[in-house]
Amino acid sequence: MEQRKHWWNGRWGRVARKDVYLRTSGDQWYVEQRAGGSDGVSHFFEYDSEEAALDMVRALLVGPDEWRELSVRPPAR
C-alpha cells in the first residue's frame, strides 16, 4: 500500500490530535481517519476511484481545525 497524502489538524496530544491519510493499492483507494495520534482510534473507508476518496477527505477536513497537508516521501526505488 502506498501513502499518497497526509493531513494533520495541527494539534498536539492524544486527545486533540487528528490525522487523515490517503493511500492506494492497485485500483483501490483508502482513506484513514485517525484520532489520538499513533495509538489512537482509526476509521477506514475504501473507494474505487481517487476522486471518490478525495471527496471523503474534503468532507473530513471540514470544521474548526486548521488542517495542514504534511509532505509524503516518495517510495524508495
PDB file of N, CA and C in Angstrom:
ATOM      1  N   MET A   1       0.854  -1.167   0.000  1.00  0.00           N
ATOM      2  CA  MET A   1       0.000   0.000   0.000  1.00  0.00           C
ATOM      3  C   MET A   1       0.905   1.237   0.000  1.00  0.00           C
ATOM      4  N   GLU A   2       0.550   2.195  -0.818  1.00  0.00           N
ATOM      5  CA  GLU A   2       1.337   3.427  -0.959  1.00  0.00           C
ATOM      6  C   GLU A   2       0.571   4.607  -0.363  1.00  0.00           C
ATOM      7  N   GLN A   3       1.233   5.325   0.535  1.00  0.00           N
ATOM      8  CA  GLN A   3       0.610   6.527   1.101  1.00  0.00           C
ATOM      9  C   GLN A   3       0.823   7.685   0.143  1.00  0.00           C
ATOM     10  N   ARG A   4      -0.262   8.351  -0.233  1.00  0.00           N
ATOM     11  CA  ARG A   4      -0.187   9.465  -1.175  1.00  0.00           C
ATOM     12  C   ARG A   4      -0.197  10.819  -0.493  1.00  0.00           C
ATOM     13  N   LYS A   5      -1.069  10.979   0.544  1.00  0.00           N
ATOM     14  CA  LYS A   5      -1.166  12.271   1.221  1.00  0.00           C
ATOM     15  C   LYS A   5      -1.491  12.054   2.694  1.00  0.00           C
ATOM     16  N   HIS A   6      -1.160  13.083   3.483  1.00  0.00           N
ATOM     17  CA  HIS A   6      -1.394  13.035   4.927  1.00  0.00           C
ATOM     18  C   HIS A   6      -1.738  14.445   5.388  1.00  0.00           C
ATOM     19  N   TRP A   7      -2.829  14.567   6.124  1.00  0.00           N
ATOM     20  CA  TRP A   7      -3.237  15.847   6.704  1.00  0.00           C
ATOM     21  C   TRP A   7      -3.264  15.700   8.215  1.00  0.00           C
ATOM     22  N   TRP A   8      -2.941  16.802   8.914  1.00  0.00           N
ATOM     23  CA  TRP A   8      -2.902  16.836  10.373  1.00  0.00           C
ATOM     24  C   TRP A   8      -3.610  18.098  10.827  1.00  0.00           C
ATOM     25  N   ASN A   9      -4.349  18.018  11.911  1.00  0.00           N
ATOM     26  CA  ASN A   9      -5.115  19.172  12.382  1.00  0.00           C
ATOM     27  C   ASN A   9      -4.271  20.187  13.151  1.00  0.00           C
ATOM     28  N   GLY A  10      -2.979  19.959  13.283  1.00  0.00           N
ATOM     29  CA  GLY A  10      -2.080  20.926  13.906  1.00  0.00           C
ATOM     30  C   GLY A  10      -2.100  20.945  15.419  1.00  0.00           C
ATOM     31  N   ARG A  11      -2.753  19.984  16.019  1.00  0.00           N
ATOM     32  CA  ARG A  11      -2.834  19.942  17.482  1.00  0.00           C
ATOM     33  C   ARG A  11      -2.014  18.778  18.029  1.00  0.00           C
ATOM     34  N   TRP A  12      -1.400  19.022  19.169  1.00  0.00           N
ATOM     35  CA  TRP A  12      -0.583  18.009  19.831  1.00  0.00           C
ATOM     36  C   TRP A  12      -1.390  17.343  20.938  1.00  0.00           C
ATOM     37  N   GLY A  13      -1.002  16.140  21.269  1.00  0.00           N
ATOM     38  CA  GLY A  13      -1.623  15.434  22.383  1.00  0.00           C
ATOM     39  C   GLY A  13      -2.623  14.397  21.914  1.00  0.00           C
ATOM     40  N   ARG A  14      -2.736  13.356  22.700  1.00  0.00           N
ATOM     41  CA  ARG A  14      -3.597  12.230  22.320  1.00  0.00           C
ATOM     42  C   ARG A  14      -5.057  12.621  22.193  1.00  0.00           C
ATOM     43  N   VAL A  15      -5.515  13.541  22.985  1.00  0.00           N
ATOM     44  CA  VAL A  15      -6.927  13.912  22.958  1.00  0.00           C
ATOM     45  C   VAL A  15      -7.245  14.793  21.749  1.00  0.00           C
ATOM     46  N   ALA A  16      -6.326  15.693  21.388  1.00  0.00           N
ATOM     47  CA  ALA A  16      -6.622  16.709  20.379  1.00  0.00           C
ATOM     48  C   ALA A  16      -6.170  16.354  18.965  1.00  0.00           C
ATOM     49  N   ARG A  17      -5.174  15.507  18.830  1.00  0.00           N
ATOM     50  CA  ARG A  17      -4.599  15.250  17.505  1.00  0.00           C
ATOM     51  C   ARG A  17      -5.535  14.429  16.620  1.00  0.00           C
ATOM     52  N   LYS A  18      -5.610  14.845  15.343  1.00  0.00           N
ATOM     53  CA  LYS A  18      -6.365  14.097  14.328  1.00  0.00           C
ATOM     54  C   LYS A  18      -5.526  14.052  13.060  1.00  0.00           C
ATOM     55  N   ASP A  19      -5.595  12.936  12.356  1.00  0.00           N
ATOM     56  CA  ASP A  19      -4.885  12.756  11.097  1.00  0.00           C
ATOM     57  C   ASP A  19      -5.823  12.137  10.076  1.00  0.00           C
ATOM     58  N   VAL A  20      -5.598  12.477   8.810  1.00  0.00           N
ATOM     59  CA  VAL A  20      -6.322  11.873   7.699  1.00  0.00           C
ATOM     60  C   VAL A  20      -5.274  11.449   6.675  1.00  0.00           C
ATOM     61  N   TYR A  21      -5.356  10.209   6.208  1.00  0.00           N
ATOM     62  CA  TYR A  21      -4.403   9.652   5.257  1.00  0.00           C
ATOM     63  C   TYR A  21      -5.122   9.217   3.989  1.00  0.00           C
ATOM     64  N   LEU A  22      -4.476   9.430   2.847  1.00  0.00           N
ATOM     65  CA  LEU A  22      -4.954   8.929   1.564  1.00  0.00           C
ATOM     66  C   LEU A  22      -3.929   7.924   1.076  1.00  0.00           C
ATOM     67  N   ARG A  23      -4.390   6.698   0.808  1.00  0.00           N
ATOM     68  CA  ARG A  23      -3.492   5.624   0.356  1.00  0.00           C
ATOM     69  C   ARG A  23      -4.104   4.919  -0.842  1.00  0.00           C
ATOM     70  N   THR A  24      -3.236   4.239  -1.582  1.00  0.00           N
ATOM     71  CA  THR A  24      -3.705   3.469  -2.725  1.00  0.00           C
ATOM     72  C   THR A  24      -2.982   2.124  -2.793  1.00  0.00           C
ATOM     73  N   SER A  25      -3.678   1.159  -3.349  1.00  0.00           N
ATOM     74  CA  SER A  25      -3.113  -0.155  -3.600  1.00  0.00           C
ATOM     75  C   SER A  25      -3.829  -0.713  -4.825  1.00  0.00           C
ATOM     76  N   GLY A  26      -3.088  -0.870  -5.911  1.00  0.00           N
ATOM     77  CA  GLY A  26      -3.716  -1.318  -7.149  1.00  0.00           C
ATOM     78  C   GLY A  26      -4.739  -0.302  -7.605  1.00  0.00           C
ATOM     79  N   ASP A  27      -5.964  -0.753  -7.847  1.00  0.00           N
ATOM     80  CA  ASP A  27      -7.042   0.136  -8.292  1.00  0.00           C
ATOM     81  C   ASP A  27      -7.894   0.666  -7.138  1.00  0.00           C
ATOM     82  N   GLN A  28      -7.551   0.307  -5.910  1.00  0.00           N
ATOM     83  CA  GLN A  28      -8.345   0.713  -4.752  1.00  0.00           C
ATOM     84  C   GLN A  28      -7.712   1.916  -4.058  1.00  0.00           C
ATOM     85  N   TRP A  29      -8.580   2.757  -3.507  1.00  0.00           N
ATOM     86  CA  TRP A  29      -8.157   3.941  -2.755  1.00  0.00           C
ATOM     87  C   TRP A  29      -8.694   3.828  -1.337  1.00  0.00           C
ATOM     88  N   TYR A  30      -7.893   4.240  -0.373  1.00  0.00           N
ATOM     89  CA  TYR A  30      -8.246   4.113   1.035  1.00  0.00           C
ATOM     90  C   TYR A  30      -8.061   5.446   1.748  1.00  0.00           C
ATOM     91  N   VAL A  31      -8.991   5.770   2.622  1.00  0.00           N
ATOM     92  CA  VAL A  31      -8.900   6.938   3.472  1.00  0.00           C
ATOM     93  C   VAL A  31      -8.936   6.432   4.909  1.00  0.00           C
ATOM     94  N   GLU A  32      -7.978   6.905   5.700  1.00  0.00           N
ATOM     95  CA  GLU A  32      -7.959   6.591   7.130  1.00  0.00           C
ATOM     96  C   GLU A  32      -8.168   7.885   7.908  1.00  0.00           C
ATOM     97  N   GLN A  33      -9.111   7.871   8.810  1.00  0.00           N
ATOM     98  CA  GLN A  33      -9.345   8.984   9.729  1.00  0.00           C
ATOM     99  C   GLN A  33      -8.913   8.491  11.109  1.00  0.00           C
ATOM    100  N   ARG A  34      -7.900   9.154  11.687  1.00  0.00           N
ATOM    101  CA  ARG A  34      -7.370   8.705  12.975  1.00  0.00           C
ATOM    102  C   ARG A  34      -7.472   9.830  14.003  1.00  0.00           C
ATOM    103  N   ALA A  35      -7.934   9.492  15.184  1.00  0.00           N
ATOM    104  CA  ALA A  35      -7.986  10.431  16.306  1.00  0.00           C
ATOM    105  C   ALA A  35      -7.114   9.886  17.430  1.00  0.00           C
ATOM    106  N   GLY A  36      -6.255  10.747  17.995  1.00  0.00           N
ATOM    107  CA  GLY A  36      -5.461  10.331  19.147  1.00  0.00           C
ATOM    108  C   GLY A  36      -4.039   9.945  18.845  1.00  0.00           C
ATOM    109  N   GLY A  37      -3.505  10.320  17.715  1.00  0.00           N
ATOM    110  CA  GLY A  37      -2.111  10.012  17.402  1.00  0.00           C
ATOM    111  C   GLY A  37      -1.901   8.566  17.000  1.00  0.00           C
ATOM    112  N   SER A  38      -0.641   8.115  17.063  1.00  0.00           N
ATOM    113  CA  SER A  38      -0.305   6.778  16.558  1.00  0.00           C
ATOM    114  C   SER A  38      -0.998   5.650  17.317  1.00  0.00           C
ATOM    115  N   ASP A  39      -1.355   5.863  18.558  1.00  0.00           N
ATOM    116  CA  ASP A  39      -2.055   4.850  19.354  1.00  0.00           C
ATOM    117  C   ASP A  39      -3.561   5.082  19.389  1.00  0.00           C
ATOM    118  N   GLY A  40      -4.033   5.976  18.543  1.00  0.00           N
ATOM    119  CA  GLY A  40      -5.441   6.360  18.560  1.00  0.00           C
ATOM    120  C   GLY A  40      -6.358   5.379  17.849  1.00  0.00           C
ATOM    121  N   VAL A  41      -7.575   5.821  17.657  1.00  0.00           N
ATOM    122  CA  VAL A  41      -8.620   5.015  17.023  1.00  0.00           C
ATOM    123  C   VAL A  41      -8.769   5.454  15.571  1.00  0.00           C
ATOM    124  N   SER A  42      -8.828   4.482  14.660  1.00  0.00           N
ATOM    125  CA  SER A  42      -8.946   4.782  13.231  1.00  0.00           C
ATOM    126  C   SER A  42     -10.252   4.263  12.664  1.00  0.00           C
ATOM    127  N   HIS A  43     -10.736   4.997  11.658  1.00  0.00           N
ATOM    128  CA  HIS A  43     -11.854   4.556  10.828  1.00  0.00           C
ATOM    129  C   HIS A  43     -11.331   4.509   9.399  1.00  0.00           C
ATOM    130  N   PHE A  44     -11.695   3.461   8.669  1.00  0.00           N
ATOM    131  CA  PHE A  44     -11.186   3.255   7.317  1.00  0.00           C
ATOM    132  C   PHE A  44     -12.329   3.283   6.312  1.00  0.00           C
ATOM    133  N   PHE A  45     -12.042   3.855   5.147  1.00  0.00           N
ATOM    134  CA  PHE A  45     -13.006   3.949   4.061  1.00  0.00           C
ATOM    135  C   PHE A  45     -12.311   3.486   2.786  1.00  0.00           C
ATOM    136  N   GLU A  46     -13.008   2.712   1.952  1.00  0.00           N
ATOM    137  CA  GLU A  46     -12.435   2.156   0.722  1.00  0.00           C
ATOM    138  C   GLU A  46     -13.231   2.658  -0.480  1.00  0.00           C
ATOM    139  N   TYR A  47     -12.507   3.028  -1.553  1.00  0.00           N
ATOM    140  CA  TYR A  47     -13.143   3.601  -2.745  1.00  0.00           C
ATOM    141  C   TYR A  47     -12.543   3.004  -4.012  1.00  0.00           C
ATOM    142  N   ASP A  48     -13.331   3.065  -5.075  1.00  0.00           N
ATOM    143  CA  ASP A  48     -12.888   2.557  -6.376  1.00  0.00           C
ATOM    144  C   ASP A  48     -12.185   3.608  -7.214  1.00  0.00           C
ATOM    145  N   SER A  49     -12.213   4.886  -6.786  1.00  0.00           N
ATOM    146  CA  SER A  49     -11.560   5.942  -7.574  1.00  0.00           C
ATOM    147  C   SER A  49     -10.893   6.948  -6.644  1.00  0.00           C
ATOM    148  N   GLU A  50      -9.873   7.604  -7.166  1.00  0.00           N
ATOM    149  CA  GLU A  50      -9.178   8.644  -6.404  1.00  0.00           C
ATOM    150  C   GLU A  50     -10.126   9.802  -6.095  1.00  0.00           C
ATOM    151  N   GLU A  51     -10.955  10.173  -7.056  1.00  0.00           N
ATOM    152  CA  GLU A  51     -11.863  11.304  -6.854  1.00  0.00           C
ATOM    153  C   GLU A  51     -12.851  11.031  -5.721  1.00  0.00           C
ATOM    154  N   ALA A  52     -13.383   9.820  -5.655  1.00  0.00           N
ATOM    155  CA  ALA A  52     -14.305   9.475  -4.571  1.00  0.00           C
ATOM    156  C   ALA A  52     -13.593   9.527  -3.217  1.00  0.00           C
ATOM    157  N   ALA A  53     -12.364   9.046  -3.178  1.00  0.00           N
ATOM    158  CA  ALA A  53     -11.580   9.091  -1.940  1.00  0.00           C
ATOM    159  C   ALA A  53     -11.303  10.537  -1.539  1.00  0.00           C
ATOM    160  N   LEU A  54     -10.958  11.380  -2.504  1.00  0.00           N
ATOM    161  CA  LEU A  54     -10.691  12.790  -2.208  1.00  0.00           C
ATOM    162  C   LEU A  54     -11.949  13.521  -1.759  1.00  0.00           C
ATOM    163  N   ASP A  55     -13.100  13.125  -2.268  1.00  0.00           N
ATOM    164  CA  ASP A  55     -14.363  13.700  -1.793  1.00  0.00           C
ATOM    165  C   ASP A  55     -14.530  13.433  -0.294  1.00  0.00           C
ATOM    166  N   MET A  56     -14.199  12.214   0.136  1.00  0.00           N
ATOM    167  CA  MET A  56     -14.285  11.876   1.557  1.00  0.00           C
ATOM    168  C   MET A  56     -13.267  12.674   2.363  1.00  0.00           C
ATOM    169  N   VAL A  57     -12.055  12.797   1.845  1.00  0.00           N
ATOM    170  CA  VAL A  57     -11.035  13.593   2.535  1.00  0.00           C
ATOM    171  C   VAL A  57     -11.536  15.018   2.744  1.00  0.00           C
ATOM    172  N   ARG A  58     -12.058  15.630   1.695  1.00  0.00           N
ATOM    173  CA  ARG A  58     -12.563  17.004   1.803  1.00  0.00           C
ATOM    174  C   ARG A  58     -13.658  17.099   2.868  1.00  0.00           C
ATOM    175  N   ALA A  59     -14.533  16.125   2.927  1.00  0.00           N
ATOM    176  CA  ALA A  59     -15.600  16.124   3.925  1.00  0.00           C
ATOM    177  C   ALA A  59     -15.022  16.000   5.342  1.00  0.00           C
ATOM    178  N   LEU A  60     -13.987  15.197   5.514  1.00  0.00           N
ATOM    179  CA  LEU A  60     -13.386  15.002   6.834  1.00  0.00           C
ATOM    180  C   LEU A  60     -12.624  16.231   7.316  1.00  0.00           C
ATOM    181  N   LEU A  61     -12.135  17.048   6.388  1.00  0.00           N
ATOM    182  CA  LEU A  61     -11.333  18.214   6.760  1.00  0.00           C
ATOM    183  C   LEU A  61     -12.176  19.456   7.052  1.00  0.00           C
ATOM    184  N   VAL A  62     -13.498  19.342   6.932  1.00  0.00           N
ATOM    185  CA  VAL A  62     -14.385  20.466   7.229  1.00  0.00           C
ATOM    186  C   VAL A  62     -14.494  20.629   8.743  1.00  0.00           C
ATOM    187  N   GLY A  63     -14.487  21.862   9.201  1.00  0.00           N
ATOM    188  CA  GLY A  63     -14.658  22.117  10.627  1.00  0.00           C
ATOM    189  C   GLY A  63     -13.699  23.171  11.124  1.00  0.00           C
ATOM    190  N   PRO A  64     -13.638  23.326  12.441  1.00  0.00           N
ATOM    191  CA  PRO A  64     -12.858  24.419  13.021  1.00  0.00           C
ATOM    192  C   PRO A  64     -11.348  24.189  13.044  1.00  0.00           C
ATOM    193  N   ASP A  65     -10.893  22.965  12.846  1.00  0.00           N
ATOM    194  CA  ASP A  65      -9.448  22.702  12.893  1.00  0.00           C
ATOM    195  C   ASP A  65      -8.730  23.371  11.734  1.00  0.00           C
ATOM    196  N   GLU A  66      -7.473  23.715  11.953  1.00  0.00           N
ATOM    197  CA  GLU A  66      -6.630  24.302  10.911  1.00  0.00           C
ATOM    198  C   GLU A  66      -5.779  23.191  10.302  1.00  0.00           C
ATOM    199  N   TRP A  67      -6.353  22.459   9.373  1.00  0.00           N
ATOM    200  CA  TRP A  67      -5.692  21.321   8.756  1.00  0.00           C
ATOM    201  C   TRP A  67      -4.522  21.773   7.901  1.00  0.00           C
ATOM    202  N   ARG A  68      -3.464  20.964   7.915  1.00  0.00           N
ATOM    203  CA  ARG A  68      -2.309  21.211   7.055  1.00  0.00           C
ATOM    204  C   ARG A  68      -1.867  19.898   6.426  1.00  0.00           C
ATOM    205  N   GLU A  69      -1.488  19.985   5.181  1.00  0.00           N
ATOM    206  CA  GLU A  69      -1.002  18.798   4.483  1.00  0.00           C
ATOM    207  C   GLU A  69       0.470  18.616   4.802  1.00  0.00           C
ATOM    208  N   LEU A  70       0.835  17.420   5.210  1.00  0.00           N
ATOM    209  CA  LEU A  70       2.216  17.084   5.506  1.00  0.00           C
ATOM    210  C   LEU A  70       2.824  16.407   4.286  1.00  0.00           C
ATOM    211  N   SER A  71       4.096  16.629   4.071  1.00  0.00           N
ATOM    212  CA  SER A  71       4.735  16.019   2.903  1.00  0.00           C
ATOM    213  C   SER A  71       4.868  14.519   3.106  1.00  0.00           C
ATOM    214  N   VAL A  72       4.796  13.814   2.003  1.00  0.00           N
ATOM    215  CA  VAL A  72       4.945  12.358   1.998  1.00  0.00           C
ATOM    216  C   VAL A  72       6.160  12.046   1.151  1.00  0.00           C
ATOM    217  N   ARG A  73       7.052  11.217   1.700  1.00  0.00           N
ATOM    218  CA  ARG A  73       8.241  10.834   0.946  1.00  0.00           C
ATOM    219  C   ARG A  73       7.845   9.922  -0.213  1.00  0.00           C
ATOM    220  N   PRO A  74       8.479  10.116  -1.370  1.00  0.00           N
ATOM    221  CA  PRO A  74       8.212   9.190  -2.478  1.00  0.00           C
ATOM    222  C   PRO A  74       8.720   7.790  -2.116  1.00  0.00           C
ATOM    223  N   PRO A  75       8.107   6.749  -2.671  1.00  0.00           N
ATOM    224  CA  PRO A  75       8.552   5.393  -2.361  1.00  0.00           C
ATOM    225  C   PRO A  75       9.996   5.165  -2.796  1.00  0.00           C
ATOM    226  N   ALA A  76      10.724   4.360  -2.032  1.00  0.00           N
ATOM    227  CA  ALA A  76      12.120   4.034  -2.367  1.00  0.00           C
ATOM    228  C   ALA A  76      12.165   3.218  -3.652  1.00  0.00           C
ATOM    229  N   ARG A  77      13.172   3.458  -4.438  1.00  0.00           N
ATOM    230  CA  ARG A  77      13.316   2.717  -5.704  1.00  0.00           C
ATOM    231  C   ARG A  77      14.524   1.846  -5.671  1.00  0.00           C
TER     232      ARG A  77
END
